[in-house]
C-alpha atoms as a PDB file:
ATOM      1  CA  MET A   1     222.976 142.009 204.740  1.00  0.00           C
ATOM      2  CA  ALA A   2     222.490 142.467 201.003  1.00  0.00           C
ATOM      3  CA  ARG A   3     219.519 144.532 199.905  1.00  0.00           C
ATOM      4  CA  PRO A   4     217.036 142.578 197.765  1.00  0.00           C
ATOM      5  CA  LYS A   5     217.138 143.410 194.048  1.00  0.00           C
ATOM      6  CA  THR A   6     213.947 141.613 193.008  1.00  0.00           C
ATOM      7  CA  LYS A   7     210.560 140.805 194.459  1.00  0.00           C
ATOM      8  CA  GLU A   8     211.606 137.153 194.717  1.00  0.00           C
ATOM      9  CA  GLU A   9     214.759 138.098 196.640  1.00  0.00           C
ATOM     10  CA  LEU A  10     212.704 140.179 199.075  1.00  0.00           C
ATOM     11  CA  LEU A  11     210.228 137.344 199.623  1.00  0.00           C
ATOM     12  CA  SER A  12     213.055 134.853 200.077  1.00  0.00           C
ATOM     13  CA  LEU A  13     215.182 137.012 202.381  1.00  0.00           C
ATOM     14  CA  SER A  14     212.270 138.104 204.549  1.00  0.00           C
ATOM     15  CA  GLN A  15     211.083 134.502 204.942  1.00  0.00           C
ATOM     16  CA  GLU A  16     214.609 133.236 205.552  1.00  0.00           C
ATOM     17  CA  ASN A  17     215.282 135.824 208.256  1.00  0.00           C
ATOM     18  CA  TYR A  18     211.879 135.227 209.827  1.00  0.00           C
ATOM     19  CA  GLU A  19     212.507 131.476 209.958  1.00  0.00           C
ATOM     20  CA  LYS A  20     216.004 131.992 211.403  1.00  0.00           C
ATOM     21  CA  LEU A  21     214.439 134.101 214.134  1.00  0.00           C
ATOM     22  CA  ILE A  22     211.759 131.529 214.942  1.00  0.00           C
ATOM     23  CA  HIS A  23     214.271 128.655 214.879  1.00  0.00           C
ATOM     24  CA  LEU A  24     216.570 130.550 217.232  1.00  0.00           C
ATOM     25  CA  ILE A  25     213.722 131.119 219.673  1.00  0.00           C
ATOM     26  CA  ASP A  26     212.621 127.491 219.412  1.00  0.00           C
ATOM     27  CA  SER A  27     216.181 126.377 220.212  1.00  0.00           C
ATOM     28  CA  TYR A  28     215.741 127.753 223.735  1.00  0.00           C
ATOM     29  CA  SER A  29     213.821 125.976 226.465  1.00  0.00           C
ATOM     30  CA  LEU A  30     210.543 127.598 227.512  1.00  0.00           C
ATOM     31  CA  GLN A  31     212.248 128.862 230.655  1.00  0.00           C
ATOM     32  CA  GLU A  32     214.998 130.463 228.546  1.00  0.00           C
ATOM     33  CA  GLN A  33     212.401 131.962 226.191  1.00  0.00           C
ATOM     34  CA  LEU A  34     210.656 133.620 229.121  1.00  0.00           C
ATOM     35  CA  ALA A  35     213.813 134.809 230.920  1.00  0.00           C
ATOM     36  CA  ASP A  36     214.682 138.482 230.957  1.00  0.00           C
ATOM     37  CA  PHE A  37     217.864 139.820 229.441  1.00  0.00           C
ATOM     38  CA  LEU A  38     220.117 141.810 231.721  1.00  0.00           C
ATOM     39  CA  PRO A  39     219.109 145.456 232.126  1.00  0.00           C
ATOM     40  CA  GLY A  40     220.319 147.818 229.459  1.00  0.00           C
ATOM     41  CA  THR A  41     217.801 147.504 226.650  1.00  0.00           C
ATOM     42  CA  MET A  42     214.166 148.477 226.546  1.00  0.00           C
ATOM     43  CA  ASN A  43     213.246 145.136 224.979  1.00  0.00           C
ATOM     44  CA  ARG A  44     214.003 143.011 228.031  1.00  0.00           C
ATOM     45  CA  ASN A  45     213.069 139.578 226.715  1.00  0.00           C
ATOM     46  CA  ILE A  46     212.039 137.627 223.629  1.00  0.00           C
ATOM     47  CA  ARG A  47     208.387 138.589 224.033  1.00  0.00           C
ATOM     48  CA  ASP A  48     209.286 142.271 223.966  1.00  0.00           C
ATOM     49  CA  VAL A  49     211.327 141.858 220.781  1.00  0.00           C
ATOM     50  CA  LEU A  50     208.568 139.914 219.005  1.00  0.00           C
ATOM     51  CA  ALA A  51     205.906 142.388 220.147  1.00  0.00           C
ATOM     52  CA  HIS A  52     208.041 145.203 218.737  1.00  0.00           C
ATOM     53  CA  LEU A  53     208.231 143.445 215.359  1.00  0.00           C
ATOM     54  CA  HIS A  54     204.507 142.724 215.375  1.00  0.00           C
ATOM     55  CA  HIS A  55     203.547 146.306 216.111  1.00  0.00           C
ATOM     56  CA  TRP A  56     205.847 147.646 213.395  1.00  0.00           C
ATOM     57  CA  HIS A  57     204.124 145.222 211.010  1.00  0.00           C
ATOM     58  CA  LEU A  58     200.778 146.681 212.058  1.00  0.00           C
ATOM     59  CA  MET A  59     202.055 150.182 211.398  1.00  0.00           C
ATOM     60  CA  MET A  60     203.364 149.123 207.968  1.00  0.00           C
ATOM     61  CA  LEU A  61     199.990 147.586 207.140  1.00  0.00           C
ATOM     62  CA  ASP A  62     198.270 150.811 208.192  1.00  0.00           C
ATOM     63  CA  TRP A  63     200.648 153.010 206.187  1.00  0.00           C
ATOM     64  CA  TYR A  64     200.013 150.856 203.169  1.00  0.00           C
ATOM     65  CA  SER A  65     196.228 150.711 203.465  1.00  0.00           C
ATOM     66  CA  VAL A  66     195.928 154.458 204.050  1.00  0.00           C
ATOM     67  CA  GLY A  67     198.609 155.410 201.534  1.00  0.00           C
ATOM     68  CA  MET A  68     197.218 153.298 198.719  1.00  0.00           C
ATOM     69  CA  THR A  69     193.904 155.167 198.946  1.00  0.00           C
ATOM     70  CA  GLY A  70     195.779 158.371 198.149  1.00  0.00           C
ATOM     71  CA  ALA A  71     195.629 159.665 201.712  1.00  0.00           C
ATOM     72  CA  LYS A  72     198.719 160.505 203.743  1.00  0.00           C
ATOM     73  CA  PRO A  73     199.351 157.976 206.534  1.00  0.00           C
ATOM     74  CA  HIS A  74     200.765 158.984 209.905  1.00  0.00           C
ATOM     75  CA  ILE A  75     204.354 157.787 209.595  1.00  0.00           C
ATOM     76  CA  PRO A  76     205.708 156.420 211.836  1.00  0.00           C
ATOM     77  CA  ALA A  77     202.532 156.821 213.944  1.00  0.00           C
ATOM     78  CA  GLU A  78     200.089 159.543 214.883  1.00  0.00           C
ATOM     79  CA  GLY A  79     201.778 161.924 217.300  1.00  0.00           C
ATOM     80  CA  TYR A  80     205.289 160.663 216.519  1.00  0.00           C
ATOM     81  CA  THR A  81     208.054 161.612 214.100  1.00  0.00           C
ATOM     82  CA  TRP A  82     211.156 159.682 213.067  1.00  0.00           C
ATOM     83  CA  LYS A  83     213.039 161.753 215.662  1.00  0.00           C
ATOM     84  CA  THR A  84     210.674 160.554 218.392  1.00  0.00           C
ATOM     85  CA  THR A  85     210.845 156.879 217.384  1.00  0.00           C
ATOM     86  CA  PRO A  86     212.416 155.977 220.768  1.00  0.00           C
ATOM     87  CA  ASP A  87     209.278 157.332 222.457  1.00  0.00           C
ATOM     88  CA  LEU A  88     207.102 155.348 220.064  1.00  0.00           C
ATOM     89  CA  ASN A  89     209.084 152.195 220.780  1.00  0.00           C
ATOM     90  CA  LYS A  90     208.650 152.800 224.505  1.00  0.00           C
ATOM     91  CA  TRP A  91     204.888 153.150 223.963  1.00  0.00           C
ATOM     92  CA  ILE A  92     204.920 149.836 222.041  1.00  0.00           C
ATOM     93  CA  TRP A  93     206.836 148.181 224.881  1.00  0.00           C
ATOM     94  CA  GLU A  94     204.300 149.486 227.431  1.00  0.00           C
ATOM     95  CA  LYS A  95     201.389 148.257 225.321  1.00  0.00           C
ATOM     96  CA  TYR A  96     202.641 144.659 225.116  1.00  0.00           C
ATOM     97  CA  ARG A  97     204.751 144.177 228.240  1.00  0.00           C
ATOM     98  CA  HIS A  98     202.131 142.067 229.998  1.00  0.00           C
ATOM     99  CA  ALA A  99     201.219 139.989 226.943  1.00  0.00           C
ATOM    100  CA  ASP A 100     201.769 136.265 226.794  1.00  0.00           C
ATOM    101  CA  LEU A 101     204.706 135.049 224.662  1.00  0.00           C
ATOM    102  CA  ASN A 102     202.586 132.507 222.758  1.00  0.00           C
ATOM    103  CA  SER A 103     199.956 135.117 221.971  1.00  0.00           C
ATOM    104  CA  ILE A 104     202.634 137.483 220.656  1.00  0.00           C
ATOM    105  CA  ARG A 105     204.161 134.702 218.565  1.00  0.00           C
ATOM    106  CA  GLU A 106     200.776 134.007 216.957  1.00  0.00           C
ATOM    107  CA  LYS A 107     200.175 137.706 216.305  1.00  0.00           C
ATOM    108  CA  LEU A 108     203.641 138.093 214.797  1.00  0.00           C
ATOM    109  CA  ASN A 109     203.133 135.117 212.510  1.00  0.00           C
ATOM    110  CA  ASP A 110     199.819 136.552 211.335  1.00  0.00           C
ATOM    111  CA  SER A 111     201.186 140.050 210.733  1.00  0.00           C
ATOM    112  CA  HIS A 112     204.263 138.614 208.998  1.00  0.00           C
ATOM    113  CA  LYS A 113     201.969 136.833 206.516  1.00  0.00           C
ATOM    114  CA  LYS A 114     199.936 139.993 205.928  1.00  0.00           C
ATOM    115  CA  VAL A 115     203.039 142.064 205.159  1.00  0.00           C
ATOM    116  CA  ARG A 116     204.312 139.323 202.820  1.00  0.00           C
ATOM    117  CA  SER A 117     200.980 139.434 200.998  1.00  0.00           C
ATOM    118  CA  ILE A 118     201.661 143.071 200.127  1.00  0.00           C
ATOM    119  CA  VAL A 119     204.943 142.070 198.493  1.00  0.00           C
ATOM    120  CA  GLU A 120     203.286 139.201 196.646  1.00  0.00           C
ATOM    121  CA  LYS A 121     200.650 141.399 195.000  1.00  0.00           C
ATOM    122  CA  HIS A 122     203.087 143.942 193.544  1.00  0.00           C
ATOM    123  CA  SER A 123     205.383 143.806 190.525  1.00  0.00           C
ATOM    124  CA  ASN A 124     209.105 144.559 190.694  1.00  0.00           C
ATOM    125  CA  ASP A 125     208.440 148.007 189.206  1.00  0.00           C
ATOM    126  CA  GLU A 126     205.768 148.766 191.796  1.00  0.00           C
ATOM    127  CA  LEU A 127     208.064 147.689 194.603  1.00  0.00           C
ATOM    128  CA  PHE A 128     211.342 149.244 193.465  1.00  0.00           C
ATOM    129  CA  GLU A 129     210.429 152.488 191.716  1.00  0.00           C
ATOM    130  CA  LYS A 130     211.145 155.505 193.906  1.00  0.00           C
ATOM    131  CA  LYS A 131     208.389 158.115 194.219  1.00  0.00           C
ATOM    132  CA  ARG A 132     205.873 155.774 192.559  1.00  0.00           C
ATOM    133  CA  TYR A 133     203.452 156.221 195.432  1.00  0.00           C
ATOM    134  CA  LYS A 134     202.861 159.625 196.950  1.00  0.00           C
ATOM    135  CA  TRP A 135     202.803 158.230 200.484  1.00  0.00           C
ATOM    136  CA  THR A 136     206.333 156.752 200.236  1.00  0.00           C
ATOM    137  CA  GLY A 137     207.794 160.178 199.516  1.00  0.00           C
ATOM    138  CA  THR A 138     211.178 160.084 197.799  1.00  0.00           C
ATOM    139  CA  THR A 139     211.730 156.380 198.411  1.00  0.00           C
ATOM    140  CA  SER A 140     210.168 153.127 197.221  1.00  0.00           C
ATOM    141  CA  LEU A 141     207.577 150.777 198.632  1.00  0.00           C
ATOM    142  CA  LEU A 142     210.431 148.273 198.857  1.00  0.00           C
ATOM    143  CA  ALA A 143     212.303 150.434 201.370  1.00  0.00           C
ATOM    144  CA  TYR A 144     209.351 150.317 203.752  1.00  0.00           C
ATOM    145  CA  LEU A 145     208.851 146.580 203.282  1.00  0.00           C
ATOM    146  CA  VAL A 146     212.532 145.724 203.817  1.00  0.00           C
ATOM    147  CA  SER A 147     212.535 147.806 206.990  1.00  0.00           C
ATOM    148  CA  ALA A 148     209.428 146.020 208.269  1.00  0.00           C
ATOM    149  CA  THR A 149     210.632 142.530 207.396  1.00  0.00           C
ATOM    150  CA  SER A 150     214.095 141.229 206.502  1.00  0.00           C
ATOM    151  CA  SER A 151     216.197 143.972 208.092  1.00  0.00           C
ATOM    152  CA  HIS A 152     213.980 144.161 211.180  1.00  0.00           C
ATOM    153  CA  TYR A 153     214.139 140.380 211.609  1.00  0.00           C
ATOM    154  CA  ASP A 154     217.927 140.571 211.351  1.00  0.00           C
ATOM    155  CA  TRP A 155     217.948 143.255 214.074  1.00  0.00           C
ATOM    156  CA  ALA A 156     215.753 141.045 216.288  1.00  0.00           C
ATOM    157  CA  LEU A 157     217.950 137.999 215.736  1.00  0.00           C
ATOM    158  CA  LYS A 158     221.061 139.915 216.780  1.00  0.00           C
ATOM    159  CA  LEU A 159     219.336 141.480 219.788  1.00  0.00           C
ATOM    160  CA  ILE A 160     218.063 138.131 221.067  1.00  0.00           C
ATOM    161  CA  LYS A 161     221.463 136.466 220.599  1.00  0.00           C
ATOM    162  CA  LYS A 162     223.128 139.305 222.493  1.00  0.00           C
ATOM    163  CA  GLY A 163     220.465 139.281 225.182  1.00  0.00           C
ATOM    164  CA  LYS A 164     220.640 135.533 225.675  1.00  0.00           C
ATOM    165  CA  LYS A 165     224.403 135.757 226.235  1.00  0.00           C
ATOM    166  CA  LYS A 166     223.528 137.980 229.166  1.00  0.00           C
ATOM    167  CA  THR A 167     220.349 136.662 230.760  1.00  0.00           C
ATOM    168  CA  VAL A 168     219.248 137.308 234.305  1.00  0.00           C
END
């Protein structure tokens, strides 16, 4: 997947990948949408995958709101480091594993729009310039936004396709 080179490319790619994901899910019957994948992944069904995306959106929104005040956000989350991301993802799975698919879909759609609004309010320079914001460290705001949107949606799309080939 090509990395966006402009704000417009990021908006387009993130929306395109989001829509591909939603269209894929909608192509399955409700029974297929609710069916578990075979054991082997923590995200056992479509709900789990969408809940994962939603919660990572929430974390991105928190990093942004805290970071833009000049404070240092807890990245990836309080009590976790990048090395302990698998533990964080397990915590996310536990938090949402009893949630309703439709509720998660609505939450994901809402958080997707909120993350997009961050992109929309920034210029190309603000998005692409490395070290522009203290909270992003040596990277750019773009890197965080791509990870939370277009590349994460691509991951989800591939995981669901693979999981649906092997459903219980």
